[in-house]
Amino acid sequence: AIGLLVGVQSLCLYSAVARLPVALALLAFNTYP
């Protein structure tokens, strides 16, 4: 289940990187805490 979640996370994060300036994609991802 953890692996499935990280797989979805990887697809979503790279999808964000493909659409936004890289730094902004990572900043939005940095809300994970």
PDB file of all heavy atoms in Angstrom:
ATOM      1  N   ALA A   1       0.832  -1.204   0.000  1.00  0.00           N
ATOM      2  CA  ALA A   1       0.000   0.000   0.000  1.00  0.00           C
ATOM      3  C   ALA A   1       0.866   1.254   0.000  1.00  0.00           C
ATOM      4  O   ALA A   1       0.590   2.225  -0.720  1.00  0.00           O
ATOM      5  CB  ALA A   1      -0.918  -0.001   1.230  1.00  0.00           C
ATOM      6  N   ILE A   2       1.942   1.236   0.775  1.00  0.00           N
ATOM      7  CA  ILE A   2       2.861   2.376   0.810  1.00  0.00           C
ATOM      8  C   ILE A   2       3.510   2.563  -0.557  1.00  0.00           C
ATOM      9  O   ILE A   2       3.633   3.679  -1.068  1.00  0.00           O
ATOM     10  CB  ILE A   2       3.927   2.165   1.901  1.00  0.00           C
ATOM     11  CG1 ILE A   2       3.280   2.216   3.287  1.00  0.00           C
ATOM     12  CG2 ILE A   2       5.039   3.214   1.788  1.00  0.00           C
ATOM     13  CD1 ILE A   2       4.169   1.736   4.413  1.00  0.00           C
ATOM     14  N   GLY A   3       3.914   1.461  -1.172  1.00  0.00           N
ATOM     15  CA  GLY A   3       4.510   1.529  -2.507  1.00  0.00           C
ATOM     16  C   GLY A   3       3.536   2.063  -3.539  1.00  0.00           C
ATOM     17  O   GLY A   3       3.917   2.854  -4.418  1.00  0.00           O
ATOM     18  N   LEU A   4       2.278   1.654  -3.438  1.00  0.00           N
ATOM     19  CA  LEU A   4       1.245   2.161  -4.352  1.00  0.00           C
ATOM     20  C   LEU A   4       1.090   3.672  -4.203  1.00  0.00           C
ATOM     21  O   LEU A   4       1.024   4.404  -5.198  1.00  0.00           O
ATOM     22  CB  LEU A   4      -0.082   1.465  -4.057  1.00  0.00           C
ATOM     23  CG  LEU A   4      -1.306   1.976  -4.835  1.00  0.00           C
ATOM     24  CD1 LEU A   4      -1.122   1.762  -6.331  1.00  0.00           C
ATOM     25  CD2 LEU A   4      -2.571   1.273  -4.345  1.00  0.00           C
ATOM     26  N   LEU A   5       1.064   4.135  -2.958  1.00  0.00           N
ATOM     27  CA  LEU A   5       0.925   5.575  -2.711  1.00  0.00           C
ATOM     28  C   LEU A   5       2.116   6.347  -3.273  1.00  0.00           C
ATOM     29  O   LEU A   5       1.944   7.403  -3.890  1.00  0.00           O
ATOM     30  CB  LEU A   5       0.802   5.826  -1.206  1.00  0.00           C
ATOM     31  CG  LEU A   5      -0.528   5.433  -0.567  1.00  0.00           C
ATOM     32  CD1 LEU A   5      -0.426   5.471   0.954  1.00  0.00           C
ATOM     33  CD2 LEU A   5      -1.652   6.344  -1.042  1.00  0.00           C
ATOM     34  N   VAL A   6       3.322   5.828  -3.060  1.00  0.00           N
ATOM     35  CA  VAL A   6       4.509   6.520  -3.572  1.00  0.00           C
ATOM     36  C   VAL A   6       4.536   6.473  -5.101  1.00  0.00           C
ATOM     37  O   VAL A   6       4.999   7.415  -5.752  1.00  0.00           O
ATOM     38  CB  VAL A   6       5.794   5.925  -2.970  1.00  0.00           C
ATOM     39  CG1 VAL A   6       7.038   6.516  -3.616  1.00  0.00           C
ATOM     40  CG2 VAL A   6       5.829   6.181  -1.465  1.00  0.00           C
ATOM     41  N   GLY A   7       4.013   5.395  -5.687  1.00  0.00           N
ATOM     42  CA  GLY A   7       3.910   5.343  -7.139  1.00  0.00           C
ATOM     43  C   GLY A   7       2.984   6.419  -7.679  1.00  0.00           C
ATOM     44  O   GLY A   7       3.320   7.126  -8.644  1.00  0.00           O
ATOM     45  N   VAL A   8       1.831   6.587  -7.035  1.00  0.00           N
ATOM     46  CA  VAL A   8       0.901   7.650  -7.437  1.00  0.00           C
ATOM     47  C   VAL A   8       1.533   9.014  -7.210  1.00  0.00           C
ATOM     48  O   VAL A   8       1.418   9.931  -8.040  1.00  0.00           O
ATOM     49  CB  VAL A   8      -0.420   7.523  -6.645  1.00  0.00           C
ATOM     50  CG1 VAL A   8      -1.331   8.716  -6.922  1.00  0.00           C
ATOM     51  CG2 VAL A   8      -1.127   6.221  -7.007  1.00  0.00           C
ATOM     52  N   GLN A   9       2.223   9.173  -6.057  1.00  0.00           N
ATOM     53  CA  GLN A   9       2.904  10.438  -5.763  1.00  0.00           C
ATOM     54  C   GLN A   9       3.934  10.782  -6.834  1.00  0.00           C
ATOM     55  O   GLN A   9       4.034  11.934  -7.263  1.00  0.00           O
ATOM     56  CB  GLN A   9       3.584  10.343  -4.397  1.00  0.00           C
ATOM     57  CG  GLN A   9       4.464  11.532  -4.055  1.00  0.00           C
ATOM     58  CD  GLN A   9       5.949  11.209  -4.169  1.00  0.00           C
ATOM     59  OE1 GLN A   9       6.391  10.146  -3.758  1.00  0.00           O
ATOM     60  NE2 GLN A   9       6.714  12.122  -4.722  1.00  0.00           N
ATOM     61  N   SER A  10       4.695   9.795  -7.278  1.00  0.00           N
ATOM     62  CA  SER A  10       5.717  10.028  -8.298  1.00  0.00           C
ATOM     63  C   SER A  10       5.094  10.504  -9.601  1.00  0.00           C
ATOM     64  O   SER A  10       5.579  11.456 -10.225  1.00  0.00           O
ATOM     65  CB  SER A  10       6.523   8.742  -8.530  1.00  0.00           C
ATOM     66  OG  SER A  10       7.205   8.339  -7.358  1.00  0.00           O
ATOM     67  N   LEU A  11       4.021   9.845 -10.010  1.00  0.00           N
ATOM     68  CA  LEU A  11       3.337  10.237 -11.245  1.00  0.00           C
ATOM     69  C   LEU A  11       2.770  11.652 -11.124  1.00  0.00           C
ATOM     70  O   LEU A  11       2.879  12.461 -12.048  1.00  0.00           O
ATOM     71  CB  LEU A  11       2.218   9.245 -11.555  1.00  0.00           C
ATOM     72  CG  LEU A  11       2.646   7.835 -11.984  1.00  0.00           C
ATOM     73  CD1 LEU A  11       1.440   6.908 -12.010  1.00  0.00           C
ATOM     74  CD2 LEU A  11       3.322   7.867 -13.352  1.00  0.00           C
ATOM     75  N   CYS A  12       2.169  11.952  -9.971  1.00  0.00           N
ATOM     76  CA  CYS A  12       1.568  13.278  -9.790  1.00  0.00           C
ATOM     77  C   CYS A  12       2.629  14.374  -9.734  1.00  0.00           C
ATOM     78  O   CYS A  12       2.452  15.443 -10.328  1.00  0.00           O
ATOM     79  CB  CYS A  12       0.730  13.293  -8.510  1.00  0.00           C
ATOM     80  SG  CYS A  12      -0.813  12.362  -8.614  1.00  0.00           S
ATOM     81  N   LEU A  13       3.736  14.118  -9.022  1.00  0.00           N
ATOM     82  CA  LEU A  13       4.756  15.149  -8.894  1.00  0.00           C
ATOM     83  C   LEU A  13       5.417  15.450 -10.232  1.00  0.00           C
ATOM     84  O   LEU A  13       5.625  16.614 -10.590  1.00  0.00           O
ATOM     85  CB  LEU A  13       5.806  14.730  -7.868  1.00  0.00           C
ATOM     86  CG  LEU A  13       6.910  15.763  -7.590  1.00  0.00           C
ATOM     87  CD1 LEU A  13       6.325  17.111  -7.207  1.00  0.00           C
ATOM     88  CD2 LEU A  13       7.845  15.258  -6.502  1.00  0.00           C
ATOM     89  N   TYR A  14       5.744  14.406 -11.001  1.00  0.00           N
ATOM     90  CA  TYR A  14       6.328  14.638 -12.320  1.00  0.00           C
ATOM     91  C   TYR A  14       5.316  15.314 -13.244  1.00  0.00           C
ATOM     92  O   TYR A  14       5.694  16.108 -14.112  1.00  0.00           O
ATOM     93  CB  TYR A  14       6.820  13.330 -12.928  1.00  0.00           C
ATOM     94  CG  TYR A  14       8.247  12.974 -12.558  1.00  0.00           C
ATOM     95  CD1 TYR A  14       8.830  11.800 -13.027  1.00  0.00           C
ATOM     96  CD2 TYR A  14       9.022  13.802 -11.759  1.00  0.00           C
ATOM     97  CE1 TYR A  14      10.138  11.465 -12.704  1.00  0.00           C
ATOM     98  CE2 TYR A  14      10.325  13.479 -11.433  1.00  0.00           C
ATOM     99  CZ  TYR A  14      10.878  12.301 -11.903  1.00  0.00           C
ATOM    100  OH  TYR A  14      12.171  11.978 -11.585  1.00  0.00           O
ATOM    101  N   SER A  15       4.033  15.013 -13.071  1.00  0.00           N
ATOM    102  CA  SER A  15       3.004  15.690 -13.867  1.00  0.00           C
ATOM    103  C   SER A  15       2.970  17.178 -13.537  1.00  0.00           C
ATOM    104  O   SER A  15       2.754  18.020 -14.415  1.00  0.00           O
ATOM    105  CB  SER A  15       1.631  15.062 -13.603  1.00  0.00           C
ATOM    106  OG  SER A  15       1.591  13.724 -14.064  1.00  0.00           O
ATOM    107  N   ALA A  16       3.186  17.511 -12.256  1.00  0.00           N
ATOM    108  CA  ALA A  16       3.262  18.922 -11.859  1.00  0.00           C
ATOM    109  C   ALA A  16       4.501  19.583 -12.440  1.00  0.00           C
ATOM    110  O   ALA A  16       4.445  20.715 -12.942  1.00  0.00           O
ATOM    111  CB  ALA A  16       3.268  19.035 -10.338  1.00  0.00           C
ATOM    112  N   VAL A  17       5.634  18.879 -12.395  1.00  0.00           N
ATOM    113  CA  VAL A  17       6.887  19.410 -12.942  1.00  0.00           C
ATOM    114  C   VAL A  17       6.752  19.673 -14.441  1.00  0.00           C
ATOM    115  O   VAL A  17       7.342  20.623 -14.967  1.00  0.00           O
ATOM    116  CB  VAL A  17       8.044  18.425 -12.666  1.00  0.00           C
ATOM    117  CG1 VAL A  17       9.283  18.770 -13.485  1.00  0.00           C
ATOM    118  CG2 VAL A  17       8.381  18.426 -11.173  1.00  0.00           C
ATOM    119  N   ALA A  18       5.967  18.843 -15.126  1.00  0.00           N
ATOM    120  CA  ALA A  18       5.784  19.015 -16.563  1.00  0.00           C
ATOM    121  C   ALA A  18       4.937  20.242 -16.893  1.00  0.00           C
ATOM    122  O   ALA A  18       4.976  20.734 -18.023  1.00  0.00           O
ATOM    123  CB  ALA A  18       5.122  17.766 -17.159  1.00  0.00           C
ATOM    124  N   ARG A  19       4.188  20.766 -15.897  1.00  0.00           N
ATOM    125  CA  ARG A  19       3.243  21.848 -16.161  1.00  0.00           C
ATOM    126  C   ARG A  19       3.604  23.180 -15.511  1.00  0.00           C
ATOM    127  O   ARG A  19       3.089  24.225 -15.933  1.00  0.00           O
ATOM    128  CB  ARG A  19       1.839  21.434 -15.681  1.00  0.00           C
ATOM    129  CG  ARG A  19       1.226  20.307 -16.513  1.00  0.00           C
ATOM    130  CD  ARG A  19       0.013  19.706 -15.816  1.00  0.00           C
ATOM    131  NE  ARG A  19      -0.711  18.796 -16.702  1.00  0.00           N
ATOM    132  CZ  ARG A  19      -0.330  17.535 -16.927  1.00  0.00           C
ATOM    133  NH1 ARG A  19       0.765  17.044 -16.338  1.00  0.00           N
ATOM    134  NH2 ARG A  19      -1.028  16.766 -17.750  1.00  0.00           N
ATOM    135  N   LEU A  20       4.430  23.148 -14.472  1.00  0.00           N
ATOM    136  CA  LEU A  20       4.770  24.352 -13.721  1.00  0.00           C
ATOM    137  C   LEU A  20       6.270  24.595 -13.763  1.00  0.00           C
ATOM    138  O   LEU A  20       7.040  23.677 -14.045  1.00  0.00           O
ATOM    139  CB  LEU A  20       4.368  24.183 -12.246  1.00  0.00           C
ATOM    140  CG  LEU A  20       2.898  24.067 -11.886  1.00  0.00           C
ATOM    141  CD1 LEU A  20       2.764  23.728 -10.402  1.00  0.00           C
ATOM    142  CD2 LEU A  20       2.162  25.355 -12.198  1.00  0.00           C
ATOM    143  N   PRO A  21       6.717  25.818 -13.459  1.00  0.00           N
ATOM    144  CA  PRO A  21       8.133  25.982 -13.165  1.00  0.00           C
ATOM    145  C   PRO A  21       8.523  24.990 -12.076  1.00  0.00           C
ATOM    146  O   PRO A  21       7.782  24.788 -11.106  1.00  0.00           O
ATOM    147  CB  PRO A  21       8.210  27.434 -12.670  1.00  0.00           C
ATOM    148  CG  PRO A  21       7.086  28.116 -13.372  1.00  0.00           C
ATOM    149  CD  PRO A  21       5.985  27.096 -13.424  1.00  0.00           C
ATOM    150  N   VAL A  22       9.671  24.345 -12.233  1.00  0.00           N
ATOM    151  CA  VAL A  22      10.038  23.233 -11.363  1.00  0.00           C
ATOM    152  C   VAL A  22       9.984  23.620  -9.891  1.00  0.00           C
ATOM    153  O   VAL A  22       9.460  22.878  -9.053  1.00  0.00           O
ATOM    154  CB  VAL A  22      11.445  22.713 -11.731  1.00  0.00           C
ATOM    155  CG1 VAL A  22      11.866  21.593 -10.779  1.00  0.00           C
ATOM    156  CG2 VAL A  22      11.459  22.223 -13.175  1.00  0.00           C
ATOM    157  N   ALA A  23      10.521  24.791  -9.558  1.00  0.00           N
ATOM    158  CA  ALA A  23      10.558  25.202  -8.153  1.00  0.00           C
ATOM    159  C   ALA A  23       9.152  25.328  -7.567  1.00  0.00           C
ATOM    160  O   ALA A  23       8.919  24.947  -6.415  1.00  0.00           O
ATOM    161  CB  ALA A  23      11.308  26.526  -8.019  1.00  0.00           C
ATOM    162  N   LEU A  24       8.206  25.847  -8.340  1.00  0.00           N
ATOM    163  CA  LEU A  24       6.851  26.006  -7.844  1.00  0.00           C
ATOM    164  C   LEU A  24       6.171  24.654  -7.639  1.00  0.00           C
ATOM    165  O   LEU A  24       5.411  24.473  -6.681  1.00  0.00           O
ATOM    166  CB  LEU A  24       6.030  26.875  -8.792  1.00  0.00           C
ATOM    167  CG  LEU A  24       6.501  28.318  -8.962  1.00  0.00           C
ATOM    168  CD1 LEU A  24       5.515  29.100  -9.820  1.00  0.00           C
ATOM    169  CD2 LEU A  24       6.680  28.999  -7.606  1.00  0.00           C
ATOM    170  N   ALA A  25       6.431  23.706  -8.520  1.00  0.00           N
ATOM    171  CA  ALA A  25       5.881  22.371  -8.350  1.00  0.00           C
ATOM    172  C   ALA A  25       6.391  21.756  -7.046  1.00  0.00           C
ATOM    173  O   ALA A  25       5.627  21.155  -6.273  1.00  0.00           O
ATOM    174  CB  ALA A  25       6.266  21.484  -9.536  1.00  0.00           C
ATOM    175  N   LEU A  26       7.687  21.903  -6.778  1.00  0.00           N
ATOM    176  CA  LEU A  26       8.263  21.339  -5.562  1.00  0.00           C
ATOM    177  C   LEU A  26       7.781  22.078  -4.320  1.00  0.00           C
ATOM    178  O   LEU A  26       7.614  21.470  -3.259  1.00  0.00           O
ATOM    179  CB  LEU A  26       9.787  21.366  -5.639  1.00  0.00           C
ATOM    180  CG  LEU A  26      10.403  20.479  -6.733  1.00  0.00           C
ATOM    181  CD1 LEU A  26      11.921  20.578  -6.714  1.00  0.00           C
ATOM    182  CD2 LEU A  26       9.969  19.028  -6.576  1.00  0.00           C
ATOM    183  N   LEU A  27       7.563  23.373  -4.431  1.00  0.00           N
ATOM    184  CA  LEU A  27       7.035  24.120  -3.288  1.00  0.00           C
ATOM    185  C   LEU A  27       5.628  23.648  -2.924  1.00  0.00           C
ATOM    186  O   LEU A  27       5.307  23.469  -1.746  1.00  0.00           O
ATOM    187  CB  LEU A  27       7.015  25.615  -3.604  1.00  0.00           C
ATOM    188  CG  LEU A  27       8.331  26.356  -3.440  1.00  0.00           C
ATOM    189  CD1 LEU A  27       8.193  27.759  -3.985  1.00  0.00           C
ATOM    190  CD2 LEU A  27       8.753  26.391  -1.979  1.00  0.00           C
ATOM    191  N   ALA A  28       4.771  23.492  -3.924  1.00  0.00           N
ATOM    192  CA  ALA A  28       3.424  22.995  -3.649  1.00  0.00           C
ATOM    193  C   ALA A  28       3.490  21.596  -3.046  1.00  0.00           C
ATOM    194  O   ALA A  28       2.724  21.262  -2.130  1.00  0.00           O
ATOM    195  CB  ALA A  28       2.592  22.990  -4.931  1.00  0.00           C
ATOM    196  N   PHE A  29       4.421  20.789  -3.524  1.00  0.00           N
ATOM    197  CA  PHE A  29       4.606  19.449  -2.951  1.00  0.00           C
ATOM    198  C   PHE A  29       5.102  19.531  -1.512  1.00  0.00           C
ATOM    199  O   PHE A  29       4.796  18.666  -0.689  1.00  0.00           O
ATOM    200  CB  PHE A  29       5.596  18.654  -3.800  1.00  0.00           C
ATOM    201  CG  PHE A  29       5.973  17.335  -3.191  1.00  0.00           C
ATOM    202  CD1 PHE A  29       5.060  16.295  -3.126  1.00  0.00           C
ATOM    203  CD2 PHE A  29       7.236  17.137  -2.662  1.00  0.00           C
ATOM    204  CE1 PHE A  29       5.398  15.076  -2.547  1.00  0.00           C
ATOM    205  CE2 PHE A  29       7.592  15.932  -2.088  1.00  0.00           C
ATOM    206  CZ  PHE A  29       6.666  14.892  -2.037  1.00  0.00           C
ATOM    207  N   ASN A  30       5.832  20.583  -1.182  1.00  0.00           N
ATOM    208  CA  ASN A  30       6.390  20.726   0.156  1.00  0.00           C
ATOM    209  C   ASN A  30       5.340  21.019   1.230  1.00  0.00           C
ATOM    210  O   ASN A  30       5.686  21.205   2.399  1.00  0.00           O
ATOM    211  CB  ASN A  30       7.456  21.833   0.176  1.00  0.00           C
ATOM    212  CG  ASN A  30       8.860  21.269   0.332  1.00  0.00           C
ATOM    213  OD1 ASN A  30       9.120  20.142  -0.088  1.00  0.00           O
ATOM    214  ND2 ASN A  30       9.749  22.024   0.928  1.00  0.00           N
ATOM    215  N   THR A  31       4.070  21.027   0.843  1.00  0.00           N
ATOM    216  CA  THR A  31       2.994  21.091   1.836  1.00  0.00           C
ATOM    217  C   THR A  31       2.734  19.731   2.466  1.00  0.00           C
ATOM    218  O   THR A  31       1.826  19.606   3.303  1.00  0.00           O
ATOM    219  CB  THR A  31       1.690  21.608   1.212  1.00  0.00           C
ATOM    220  OG1 THR A  31       1.287  20.723   0.149  1.00  0.00           O
ATOM    221  CG2 THR A  31       1.859  23.011   0.644  1.00  0.00           C
ATOM    222  N   TYR A  32       3.519  18.722   2.109  1.00  0.00           N
ATOM    223  CA  TYR A  32       3.232  17.373   2.624  1.00  0.00           C
ATOM    224  C   TYR A  32       3.259  17.276   4.160  1.00  0.00           C
ATOM    225  O   TYR A  32       2.551  16.425   4.717  1.00  0.00           O
ATOM    226  CB  TYR A  32       4.161  16.329   1.995  1.00  0.00           C
ATOM    227  CG  TYR A  32       5.599  16.380   2.423  1.00  0.00           C
ATOM    228  CD1 TYR A  32       6.022  15.797   3.604  1.00  0.00           C
ATOM    229  CD2 TYR A  32       6.570  16.996   1.630  1.00  0.00           C
ATOM    230  CE1 TYR A  32       7.350  15.838   3.999  1.00  0.00           C
ATOM    231  CE2 TYR A  32       7.894  17.045   2.009  1.00  0.00           C
ATOM    232  CZ  TYR A  32       8.281  16.460   3.192  1.00  0.00           C
ATOM    233  OH  TYR A  32       9.585  16.505   3.578  1.00  0.00           O
ATOM    234  N   PRO A  33       4.033  18.109   4.907  1.00  0.00           N
ATOM    235  CA  PRO A  33       3.911  18.015   6.373  1.00  0.00           C
ATOM    236  C   PRO A  33       2.494  18.314   6.872  1.00  0.00           C
ATOM    237  O   PRO A  33       2.038  17.730   7.855  1.00  0.00           O
ATOM    238  CB  PRO A  33       4.910  19.062   6.879  1.00  0.00           C
ATOM    239  CG  PRO A  33       5.927  19.175   5.796  1.00  0.00           C
ATOM    240  CD  PRO A  33       5.129  19.032   4.527  1.00  0.00           C
TER     241      PRO A  33
END
